[in-house]
């Protein structure tokens, strides 16, 4: 099921990870399948570090962004990244086609959500494994202070 980005109409919204109109951004789109958030992204040379290899910071950004969508869609609130453990298993190339990110909620421990994120290359090889810990806001705080629109706002009409 494709997810919609409810922040598009928010004045000043320019997220590097998912704003479709940010000319420098990643423009990620998301879908929900079997309690997993999935995103496909095709890199280009603008995001390289070493020649034809995606910069590790961009990979970390991809991981963090999809984890944030797990928080909003599956945990039904907003939060902030508390910790990220990123294991770069193999190079991810800018010139070999689309990547697939998959993320799911691993556990909730009090106010913290542990989210597992995996990045696969075009050949379905696991390139990056991550655990991202998010501090979860109460839904009331998320709505009142951080413009969280509620979990239902992410689903297509």
N, C-alpha and C. Protein backbone atom coordinates (compact mmCIF):
# COMPACT_ATOMS: atom_id res chain seq x y z
N UNK A 1 0.83 -1.17 0.00
CA UNK A 1 0.00 0.00 0.00
C UNK A 1 0.89 1.24 0.00
N UNK A 2 0.69 2.10 -0.98
CA UNK A 2 1.46 3.34 -1.04
C UNK A 2 1.03 4.26 0.09
N UNK A 3 2.01 4.94 0.67
CA UNK A 3 1.74 5.92 1.72
C UNK A 3 1.84 7.30 1.11
N UNK A 4 1.04 8.22 1.63
CA UNK A 4 1.14 9.59 1.14
C UNK A 4 1.90 10.42 2.15
N UNK A 5 2.46 11.49 1.67
CA UNK A 5 3.22 12.41 2.51
C UNK A 5 2.30 13.56 2.92
N UNK A 6 1.80 13.53 4.15
CA UNK A 6 0.84 14.56 4.57
C UNK A 6 1.46 15.92 4.86
N UNK A 7 2.77 16.01 4.81
CA UNK A 7 3.44 17.27 5.12
C UNK A 7 3.58 18.19 3.92
N UNK A 8 3.25 17.71 2.74
CA UNK A 8 3.46 18.46 1.51
C UNK A 8 2.81 19.85 1.56
N UNK A 9 1.67 19.96 2.20
CA UNK A 9 0.95 21.24 2.26
C UNK A 9 1.39 22.13 3.41
N UNK A 10 2.30 21.65 4.24
CA UNK A 10 2.77 22.42 5.41
C UNK A 10 3.73 23.52 4.95
N UNK A 11 3.40 24.74 5.26
CA UNK A 11 4.21 25.89 4.86
C UNK A 11 5.62 25.75 5.43
N UNK A 12 6.63 25.85 4.57
CA UNK A 12 8.02 25.77 4.99
C UNK A 12 8.58 24.36 5.02
N UNK A 13 7.79 23.37 4.71
CA UNK A 13 8.23 21.98 4.71
C UNK A 13 9.24 21.75 3.59
N UNK A 14 10.44 21.28 3.94
CA UNK A 14 11.50 21.10 2.95
C UNK A 14 12.43 19.97 3.37
N UNK A 15 11.89 18.88 3.89
CA UNK A 15 12.69 17.78 4.41
C UNK A 15 13.67 17.26 3.36
N UNK A 16 14.93 17.14 3.73
CA UNK A 16 15.95 16.61 2.82
C UNK A 16 15.63 15.18 2.42
N UNK A 17 15.03 14.42 3.30
CA UNK A 17 14.76 13.02 3.02
C UNK A 17 13.53 12.77 2.17
N UNK A 18 12.43 13.48 2.41
CA UNK A 18 11.19 13.08 1.75
C UNK A 18 10.39 14.20 1.09
N UNK A 19 10.84 15.44 1.15
CA UNK A 19 10.09 16.51 0.47
C UNK A 19 10.25 16.36 -1.04
N UNK A 20 9.15 16.23 -1.77
CA UNK A 20 9.26 16.02 -3.21
C UNK A 20 9.74 17.24 -3.98
N UNK A 21 9.68 18.41 -3.37
CA UNK A 21 10.05 19.65 -4.06
C UNK A 21 11.42 20.19 -3.64
N UNK A 22 12.14 19.49 -2.77
CA UNK A 22 13.48 19.93 -2.37
C UNK A 22 14.45 19.54 -3.48
N UNK A 23 15.02 20.51 -4.22
CA UNK A 23 15.87 20.17 -5.37
C UNK A 23 17.14 19.41 -4.99
N UNK A 24 17.59 19.52 -3.77
CA UNK A 24 18.80 18.82 -3.33
C UNK A 24 18.49 17.52 -2.59
N UNK A 25 17.22 17.31 -2.27
CA UNK A 25 16.84 16.21 -1.40
C UNK A 25 16.76 14.85 -2.07
N UNK A 26 16.48 13.85 -1.26
CA UNK A 26 16.40 12.47 -1.70
C UNK A 26 15.03 12.12 -2.29
N UNK A 27 14.01 12.86 -1.93
CA UNK A 27 12.65 12.69 -2.47
C UNK A 27 12.10 11.27 -2.26
N UNK A 28 12.35 10.71 -1.10
CA UNK A 28 11.91 9.35 -0.82
C UNK A 28 10.39 9.26 -0.77
N UNK A 29 9.88 8.15 -1.27
CA UNK A 29 8.47 7.79 -1.17
C UNK A 29 8.41 6.45 -0.45
N UNK A 30 7.27 6.19 0.19
CA UNK A 30 7.18 5.01 1.05
C UNK A 30 5.92 4.21 0.78
N UNK A 31 6.01 2.93 1.13
CA UNK A 31 4.84 2.07 1.09
C UNK A 31 4.86 1.17 2.32
N UNK A 32 3.69 0.66 2.64
CA UNK A 32 3.53 -0.24 3.78
C UNK A 32 3.18 -1.62 3.26
N UNK A 33 3.95 -2.62 3.72
CA UNK A 33 3.68 -3.99 3.32
C UNK A 33 4.03 -4.91 4.49
N UNK A 34 3.05 -5.63 4.99
CA UNK A 34 3.27 -6.60 6.07
C UNK A 34 4.00 -5.98 7.27
N UNK A 35 3.49 -4.83 7.73
CA UNK A 35 4.07 -4.14 8.89
C UNK A 35 5.51 -3.70 8.67
N UNK A 36 5.88 -3.51 7.43
CA UNK A 36 7.20 -2.98 7.07
C UNK A 36 7.00 -1.74 6.21
N UNK A 37 7.86 -0.77 6.44
CA UNK A 37 7.90 0.39 5.56
C UNK A 37 9.00 0.11 4.54
N UNK A 38 8.67 0.34 3.27
CA UNK A 38 9.60 0.06 2.18
C UNK A 38 9.75 1.32 1.34
N UNK A 39 10.97 1.55 0.86
CA UNK A 39 11.23 2.66 -0.04
C UNK A 39 12.23 2.20 -1.09
N UNK A 40 12.01 2.68 -2.31
CA UNK A 40 12.94 2.43 -3.41
C UNK A 40 13.55 3.77 -3.79
N UNK A 41 14.84 3.77 -4.01
CA UNK A 41 15.53 5.01 -4.35
C UNK A 41 16.64 4.71 -5.34
N UNK A 42 16.70 5.52 -6.37
CA UNK A 42 17.76 5.36 -7.37
C UNK A 42 18.79 6.47 -7.18
N UNK A 43 19.98 6.12 -6.76
CA UNK A 43 21.02 7.14 -6.53
C UNK A 43 21.62 7.63 -7.84
N UNK A 44 22.30 8.75 -7.75
CA UNK A 44 23.09 9.23 -8.89
C UNK A 44 24.40 9.80 -8.36
N UNK A 45 25.22 10.29 -9.24
CA UNK A 45 26.57 10.74 -8.88
C UNK A 45 26.58 11.90 -7.88
N UNK A 46 25.48 12.63 -7.75
CA UNK A 46 25.43 13.74 -6.80
C UNK A 46 25.58 13.26 -5.35
N UNK A 47 25.37 11.99 -5.10
CA UNK A 47 25.39 11.47 -3.73
C UNK A 47 26.59 10.58 -3.45
N UNK A 48 27.61 10.65 -4.29
CA UNK A 48 28.77 9.80 -4.09
C UNK A 48 29.77 10.40 -3.11
N UNK A 49 30.50 9.52 -2.49
CA UNK A 49 31.67 9.88 -1.70
C UNK A 49 32.86 9.51 -2.57
N UNK A 50 33.34 8.27 -2.43
CA UNK A 50 34.36 7.74 -3.32
C UNK A 50 33.71 7.52 -4.69
N UNK A 51 34.52 7.48 -5.72
CA UNK A 51 34.06 7.34 -7.09
C UNK A 51 33.00 6.25 -7.26
N UNK A 52 31.81 6.61 -7.68
CA UNK A 52 30.67 5.74 -7.97
C UNK A 52 30.17 4.95 -6.75
N UNK A 53 30.52 5.38 -5.56
CA UNK A 53 30.04 4.74 -4.33
C UNK A 53 29.30 5.80 -3.51
N UNK A 54 28.11 5.44 -3.05
CA UNK A 54 27.31 6.39 -2.26
C UNK A 54 28.04 6.74 -0.97
N UNK A 55 28.03 8.00 -0.65
CA UNK A 55 28.63 8.51 0.57
C UNK A 55 27.95 7.85 1.77
N UNK A 56 28.73 7.44 2.75
CA UNK A 56 28.19 6.79 3.95
C UNK A 56 27.19 7.65 4.70
N UNK A 57 27.39 8.96 4.67
CA UNK A 57 26.43 9.86 5.33
C UNK A 57 25.08 9.87 4.64
N UNK A 58 25.07 9.71 3.34
CA UNK A 58 23.81 9.61 2.61
C UNK A 58 23.10 8.32 2.97
N UNK A 59 23.85 7.24 3.07
CA UNK A 59 23.26 5.96 3.49
C UNK A 59 22.65 6.11 4.89
N UNK A 60 23.37 6.73 5.80
CA UNK A 60 22.85 6.95 7.15
C UNK A 60 21.58 7.81 7.10
N UNK A 61 21.53 8.78 6.21
CA UNK A 61 20.34 9.62 6.07
C UNK A 61 19.16 8.81 5.56
N UNK A 62 19.39 7.95 4.58
CA UNK A 62 18.33 7.06 4.08
C UNK A 62 17.77 6.20 5.22
N UNK A 63 18.66 5.64 6.01
CA UNK A 63 18.28 4.79 7.13
C UNK A 63 17.47 5.58 8.14
N UNK A 64 17.95 6.75 8.50
CA UNK A 64 17.27 7.57 9.50
C UNK A 64 15.89 8.01 9.01
N UNK A 65 15.79 8.36 7.75
CA UNK A 65 14.52 8.84 7.21
C UNK A 65 13.44 7.75 7.24
N UNK A 66 13.78 6.56 6.77
CA UNK A 66 12.77 5.51 6.76
C UNK A 66 12.40 5.09 8.19
N UNK A 67 13.36 5.14 9.10
CA UNK A 67 13.06 4.85 10.51
C UNK A 67 12.06 5.87 11.06
N UNK A 68 12.23 7.13 10.67
CA UNK A 68 11.28 8.16 11.09
C UNK A 68 9.87 7.89 10.59
N UNK A 69 9.76 7.33 9.41
CA UNK A 69 8.45 6.98 8.87
C UNK A 69 7.85 5.80 9.62
N UNK A 70 8.66 4.87 10.10
CA UNK A 70 8.16 3.79 10.95
C UNK A 70 7.54 4.39 12.20
N UNK A 71 8.21 5.36 12.79
CA UNK A 71 7.69 6.01 14.00
C UNK A 71 6.34 6.64 13.72
N UNK A 72 6.25 7.38 12.62
CA UNK A 72 5.02 8.12 12.35
C UNK A 72 3.87 7.21 11.91
N UNK A 73 4.16 6.22 11.09
CA UNK A 73 3.10 5.37 10.55
C UNK A 73 2.76 4.22 11.50
N UNK A 74 3.75 3.52 12.00
CA UNK A 74 3.49 2.33 12.81
C UNK A 74 3.37 2.62 14.31
N UNK A 75 4.15 3.57 14.80
CA UNK A 75 4.05 3.94 16.22
C UNK A 75 3.00 5.03 16.44
N UNK A 76 2.56 5.65 15.36
CA UNK A 76 1.51 6.67 15.37
C UNK A 76 1.83 7.87 16.26
N UNK A 77 3.07 8.34 16.09
CA UNK A 77 3.50 9.56 16.78
C UNK A 77 4.73 10.09 16.06
N UNK A 78 5.36 11.08 16.64
CA UNK A 78 6.62 11.61 16.12
C UNK A 78 7.69 11.38 17.19
N UNK A 79 8.92 11.59 16.79
CA UNK A 79 10.02 11.41 17.73
C UNK A 79 11.30 11.97 17.15
N UNK A 80 12.38 11.73 17.85
CA UNK A 80 13.69 12.17 17.39
C UNK A 80 14.67 11.00 17.51
N UNK A 81 15.65 11.00 16.62
CA UNK A 81 16.67 9.96 16.64
C UNK A 81 17.47 10.08 17.92
N UNK A 82 17.60 8.98 18.62
CA UNK A 82 18.39 8.94 19.84
C UNK A 82 19.74 8.28 19.59
N UNK A 83 19.71 7.24 18.75
CA UNK A 83 20.95 6.50 18.48
C UNK A 83 20.79 5.75 17.16
N UNK A 84 21.90 5.62 16.43
CA UNK A 84 21.91 4.84 15.19
C UNK A 84 23.14 3.94 15.19
N UNK A 85 22.92 2.67 14.91
CA UNK A 85 24.02 1.74 14.69
C UNK A 85 23.93 1.31 13.23
N UNK A 86 24.90 1.72 12.44
CA UNK A 86 24.89 1.43 11.02
C UNK A 86 26.07 0.53 10.70
N UNK A 87 25.80 -0.62 10.11
CA UNK A 87 26.85 -1.54 9.69
C UNK A 87 26.89 -1.53 8.16
N UNK A 88 27.96 -1.00 7.63
CA UNK A 88 28.17 -0.95 6.18
C UNK A 88 28.81 -2.27 5.77
N UNK A 89 28.03 -3.13 5.16
CA UNK A 89 28.50 -4.48 4.84
C UNK A 89 29.22 -4.57 3.50
N UNK A 90 28.79 -3.75 2.55
CA UNK A 90 29.44 -3.74 1.23
C UNK A 90 29.14 -2.41 0.57
N UNK A 91 29.97 -2.02 -0.41
CA UNK A 91 29.76 -0.73 -1.08
C UNK A 91 28.40 -0.69 -1.78
N UNK A 92 27.83 0.51 -1.82
CA UNK A 92 26.58 0.73 -2.53
C UNK A 92 26.90 1.71 -3.66
N UNK A 93 26.65 1.28 -4.87
CA UNK A 93 27.09 2.04 -6.05
C UNK A 93 26.03 3.02 -6.52
N UNK A 94 26.51 4.13 -7.06
CA UNK A 94 25.62 5.17 -7.58
C UNK A 94 25.13 4.86 -8.98
N UNK A 95 25.74 3.93 -9.66
CA UNK A 95 25.47 3.72 -11.08
C UNK A 95 24.93 2.34 -11.42
N UNK A 96 24.39 1.64 -10.44
CA UNK A 96 23.94 0.27 -10.72
C UNK A 96 22.44 0.07 -10.57
N UNK A 97 21.69 1.14 -10.34
CA UNK A 97 20.24 0.99 -10.29
C UNK A 97 19.64 1.22 -8.92
N UNK A 98 18.35 0.95 -8.81
CA UNK A 98 17.61 1.30 -7.59
C UNK A 98 17.98 0.45 -6.38
N UNK A 99 17.84 1.07 -5.23
CA UNK A 99 18.06 0.43 -3.94
C UNK A 99 16.71 0.21 -3.29
N UNK A 100 16.67 -0.75 -2.38
CA UNK A 100 15.46 -0.99 -1.60
C UNK A 100 15.80 -0.89 -0.11
N UNK A 101 15.03 -0.08 0.58
CA UNK A 101 15.15 0.03 2.03
C UNK A 101 13.93 -0.63 2.64
N UNK A 102 14.14 -1.42 3.68
CA UNK A 102 13.05 -2.03 4.41
C UNK A 102 13.26 -1.76 5.89
N UNK A 103 12.19 -1.35 6.56
CA UNK A 103 12.28 -1.02 7.98
C UNK A 103 11.07 -1.58 8.71
N UNK A 104 11.32 -2.05 9.91
CA UNK A 104 10.20 -2.50 10.75
C UNK A 104 10.49 -2.19 12.21
N UNK A 105 9.43 -2.12 12.97
CA UNK A 105 9.54 -1.88 14.40
C UNK A 105 10.02 -3.16 15.06
N UNK A 106 11.18 -3.08 15.68
CA UNK A 106 11.77 -4.25 16.34
C UNK A 106 11.24 -4.37 17.77
N UNK A 107 11.19 -3.24 18.49
CA UNK A 107 10.73 -3.27 19.88
C UNK A 107 10.42 -1.86 20.35
N UNK A 108 9.54 -1.77 21.33
CA UNK A 108 9.32 -0.52 22.05
C UNK A 108 9.68 -0.77 23.50
N UNK A 109 10.56 0.08 24.03
CA UNK A 109 11.00 -0.02 25.41
C UNK A 109 10.76 1.32 26.07
N UNK A 110 9.65 1.41 26.78
CA UNK A 110 9.29 2.69 27.39
C UNK A 110 9.01 3.72 26.31
N UNK A 111 9.73 4.84 26.34
CA UNK A 111 9.56 5.92 25.36
C UNK A 111 10.47 5.75 24.14
N UNK A 112 11.13 4.61 24.02
CA UNK A 112 12.08 4.40 22.92
C UNK A 112 11.59 3.29 21.98
N UNK A 113 11.71 3.55 20.69
CA UNK A 113 11.39 2.55 19.66
C UNK A 113 12.69 2.11 19.00
N UNK A 114 12.89 0.81 18.90
CA UNK A 114 14.03 0.26 18.17
C UNK A 114 13.53 -0.18 16.80
N UNK A 115 14.15 0.35 15.77
CA UNK A 115 13.72 0.10 14.40
C UNK A 115 14.87 -0.55 13.64
N UNK A 116 14.58 -1.66 13.00
CA UNK A 116 15.59 -2.33 12.19
C UNK A 116 15.41 -1.87 10.74
N UNK A 117 16.52 -1.48 10.12
CA UNK A 117 16.50 -1.01 8.73
C UNK A 117 17.57 -1.77 7.96
N UNK A 118 17.17 -2.29 6.81
CA UNK A 118 18.11 -2.97 5.91
C UNK A 118 18.06 -2.29 4.55
N UNK A 119 19.24 -2.16 3.93
CA UNK A 119 19.36 -1.59 2.59
C UNK A 119 19.89 -2.66 1.66
N UNK A 120 19.17 -2.87 0.55
CA UNK A 120 19.54 -3.88 -0.44
C UNK A 120 19.87 -3.20 -1.76
N UNK A 121 20.83 -3.76 -2.48
CA UNK A 121 21.17 -3.20 -3.79
C UNK A 121 20.27 -3.79 -4.86
N UNK A 122 20.52 -3.42 -6.10
CA UNK A 122 19.69 -3.86 -7.23
C UNK A 122 19.71 -5.38 -7.40
N UNK A 123 20.74 -6.04 -6.92
CA UNK A 123 20.85 -7.50 -6.99
C UNK A 123 20.28 -8.20 -5.75
N UNK A 124 19.58 -7.44 -4.91
CA UNK A 124 18.96 -7.93 -3.68
C UNK A 124 19.99 -8.40 -2.65
N UNK A 125 21.18 -7.84 -2.72
CA UNK A 125 22.21 -8.15 -1.73
C UNK A 125 22.12 -7.15 -0.58
N UNK A 126 22.20 -7.67 0.64
CA UNK A 126 22.17 -6.82 1.82
C UNK A 126 23.47 -6.03 1.90
N UNK A 127 23.37 -4.71 1.86
CA UNK A 127 24.56 -3.84 1.87
C UNK A 127 24.74 -3.12 3.21
N UNK A 128 23.64 -2.83 3.88
CA UNK A 128 23.69 -2.07 5.13
C UNK A 128 22.64 -2.61 6.08
N UNK A 129 23.04 -2.84 7.35
CA UNK A 129 22.11 -3.24 8.41
C UNK A 129 22.17 -2.17 9.49
N UNK A 130 21.01 -1.82 10.02
CA UNK A 130 20.98 -0.75 11.01
C UNK A 130 19.95 -1.02 12.09
N UNK A 131 20.24 -0.53 13.25
CA UNK A 131 19.24 -0.40 14.32
C UNK A 131 19.21 1.08 14.68
N UNK A 132 18.03 1.66 14.58
CA UNK A 132 17.85 3.08 14.89
C UNK A 132 16.93 3.15 16.10
N UNK A 133 17.36 3.88 17.11
CA UNK A 133 16.54 4.09 18.30
C UNK A 133 15.98 5.50 18.26
N UNK A 134 14.66 5.58 18.35
CA UNK A 134 13.96 6.87 18.36
C UNK A 134 13.35 7.10 19.73
N UNK A 135 13.48 8.33 20.22
CA UNK A 135 12.72 8.74 21.40
C UNK A 135 11.34 9.13 20.91
N UNK A 136 10.30 8.56 21.48
CA UNK A 136 8.93 8.81 21.05
C UNK A 136 8.28 9.91 21.87
N UNK A 137 7.69 10.88 21.17
CA UNK A 137 6.90 11.91 21.84
C UNK A 137 5.52 11.35 22.11
N UNK A 138 4.84 11.92 23.10
CA UNK A 138 3.43 11.58 23.25
C UNK A 138 2.72 12.07 21.99
N UNK A 139 1.62 11.44 21.63
CA UNK A 139 0.90 11.86 20.43
C UNK A 139 0.43 13.31 20.55
N UNK A 140 0.03 13.70 21.75
CA UNK A 140 -0.42 15.08 21.96
C UNK A 140 0.71 16.08 21.68
N UNK A 141 1.89 15.82 22.21
CA UNK A 141 3.04 16.69 21.97
C UNK A 141 3.42 16.69 20.48
N UNK A 142 3.40 15.51 19.87
CA UNK A 142 3.73 15.40 18.45
C UNK A 142 2.79 16.25 17.60
N UNK A 143 1.51 16.23 17.93
CA UNK A 143 0.53 17.00 17.17
C UNK A 143 0.66 18.50 17.45
N UNK A 144 0.79 18.87 18.71
CA UNK A 144 0.78 20.29 19.09
C UNK A 144 2.07 21.03 18.79
N UNK A 145 3.20 20.35 18.86
CA UNK A 145 4.48 21.03 18.70
C UNK A 145 5.20 20.69 17.40
N UNK A 146 4.95 19.50 16.85
CA UNK A 146 5.74 19.03 15.71
C UNK A 146 4.91 18.76 14.46
N UNK A 147 3.69 19.25 14.43
CA UNK A 147 2.83 19.17 13.24
C UNK A 147 2.49 17.74 12.84
N UNK A 148 2.57 16.80 13.76
CA UNK A 148 2.21 15.42 13.43
C UNK A 148 0.72 15.36 13.09
N UNK A 149 0.36 14.86 11.90
CA UNK A 149 -1.04 14.92 11.46
C UNK A 149 -1.90 13.74 11.92
N UNK A 150 -1.33 12.78 12.63
CA UNK A 150 -2.06 11.58 13.02
C UNK A 150 -1.78 10.45 12.04
N UNK A 151 -1.84 9.23 12.52
CA UNK A 151 -1.48 8.07 11.72
C UNK A 151 -2.32 7.88 10.47
N UNK A 152 -3.59 8.26 10.52
CA UNK A 152 -4.47 8.07 9.37
C UNK A 152 -4.09 8.95 8.19
N UNK A 153 -3.40 10.05 8.44
CA UNK A 153 -3.05 11.02 7.38
C UNK A 153 -2.06 10.45 6.37
N UNK A 154 -1.42 9.34 6.67
CA UNK A 154 -0.41 8.76 5.79
C UNK A 154 -0.99 7.79 4.75
N UNK A 155 -2.27 7.48 4.89
CA UNK A 155 -2.88 6.50 3.99
C UNK A 155 -3.63 7.20 2.87
N UNK A 156 -3.55 6.62 1.68
CA UNK A 156 -4.25 7.16 0.52
C UNK A 156 -5.75 7.11 0.77
N UNK A 157 -6.45 8.08 0.27
CA UNK A 157 -7.91 8.12 0.45
C UNK A 157 -8.61 7.04 -0.33
